[in-house]
Amino acid sequence: MSSFNMFGDQFLEYVGIDISDFATQPDPFEAVGLGKTEPEEITDDLMEQLGIADEVFSQPDPFLQQTDLSIPSSSNRFVPPMTTSAIEEKRKARIPEKTKQSTRWGKAVWDDWARAQNSLRTVGDVEPGDNYFIIPVDLSETSPEEMGFWLSRFVFEIRRQDGKPYPPKTLYNIVAAIMRHFREDLSRHDMNFLDKSDTRFAEFRKALDARMKELTAQGVGTTKRQADPLTPEDEDTLWATGTVSTKTATGLSNGVFLYNCKIFGLRGMDEHRHLQVEQYAFGVDQTGRYMKFTGRVSKNVQGGLNHRQVDVKSIKQYADNTNPRCVVHLFESYLNALPEKRGSFYRRPLANSNPPRCSLQVVGVNKLKTYMKTMFEKAGINLQGRNISNHSGKVTCATQMWEAGFDEQTIMGRTGHRSNAVRAYKRPSNTLLQDVSNKLQPPKPQHKKPATSTVTTEENTTTTGVQPTINNFNNVPTTVPTILPRASAPRLSIEHPNGLKITMDF
């Protein structure tokens, strides 16, 4: 074997050696059998001839000492191979459960409408130019043109279970749900009905726009049902009645739920459900003692491709040692009452435990859904005319910060909003609304104090402190004179303290 074949042509070219010079040269290592399959044994005589001591071979290789050339075990570094079905499950799991429910609901509305209308349609319903007669229930093979044809009728014909029309925003959401059905369930990405650049659905978008404007003109969906914020009086009552307390396990559980909403801006359900103890940490800095909350996946932070530049929520709440109701102390007391300092945050409080303790059992979803309303009922707070729900805590967070004069960016840091949608969470207090109402009222009538005067008539004389002597018109003051009617109907006498007297006959 020639030397250039051993090293390779590319290597020789790389180091600048002319390959042609080596083509006719004998292999200098061939004599020692380097090209053989089995290398010759290195004997002691050979080592002695070469002047190599035995201890050289007993020294560790410094290169191997500094470099880890070992191949890591696959069981430590990688997970076992995944199947196609497992990958598909992961893809489906990326979608929030609420979104999945909305998609199923929108498709169910379409299915009910299609079956009902197919049973009612007759040949007389077909006009010249109509290319379709049967509304498809299975949309897997539906063309964009056919879908646009039926969607235009769909938005005008569908109704709620009680026969009333859907509000405009709900109608839009139903269309979006059907679009998700194409994309997620049917793996069809050619059905973006709401994309303004897709001219295939231009006529449908006009129909949807017309229907939404028609509904708004009829007053459908103009009244928005929103969660109301808590007032300072509400909070004080919750503490005063022991509904929120650091003395009982139930009071601690109620308190951390309330202030997870108000202090950290957690949403009504989804963020509470997956909350973990590890998301809370306590520390001290130059400002003082604090509690730090680190968020995870939420509605506004999904962590996927679209949210790769969005940071999770990270909030510091400093302690107030002068306030016996300090939130930091409340959370410390609750975490100390937990049976373990990891895992699910909400654990079932143990009644009558002293000191307060919680069990290993996790608070169920149905229980979490009613936390806020249950607290208000237990505290005896009147809910008449108010919409108090779990979402009220987050609304309170935005409202109180807004009324305190904080800017939108600071408010968004607490609530987790990434756009001006935070404005929808700001609720003016009743006191502010009352003040605005008073400012916009018409001016009240001015009640002027009447001047003292003497009213003289032929039948009756009433003395009010003004003497009747008036003749000089040049000294009439700017004050309004007193009109003194006399008994005779056609005569009017006006007398003023400066001596001016006016008599008029009618």
Foldseek 3Di string as FASTA:
>chain_A
DFPCVVVDPVVCVVVPHDPVVRPPDDHPCVVQPPVPPDGDDCDPVNCVVVVHDPCVVVDDDVVCVVDPPDDDDCVVPHDPDDDPVVVLVVVVVLDDPVLVVLLVVLLVQVLVVQVVVLVVDDPVVDDPPDPDGHDDSDCLPPDLLSVLVVLLVSLVPGDDPVRHRAALVVSVSSVVSPQVCCCSVNVHPPHPLPDPVPPSNPVSVVSSVVSNVVCVVVVGPPDDDDAAADDPVLVVLLVVLLCQDLQALNNLLLLVLLCCCQFQQDAFADQLVFDKLVQWDWDADPVGTKIKGWGDDDPLASCDPVRVVPGTAIDIDHFDPVDPVTSVVSVVSNCVQEPDNIDRSAFAWDGPDVRTHGDPHHDDRVVSFCSFVVSCVSSVHDCVPGRHTSRNSSLNNLQVCVVVPDDPVVSCSRNVDDDPPSVVSHDDDPVVVVVVVVVPDPDDDDDDDDDFDWAEAPVDTDHRPADFAADDPVPDDPDDFDKHQYPDPQKTWTGGNVRRIDIGGD
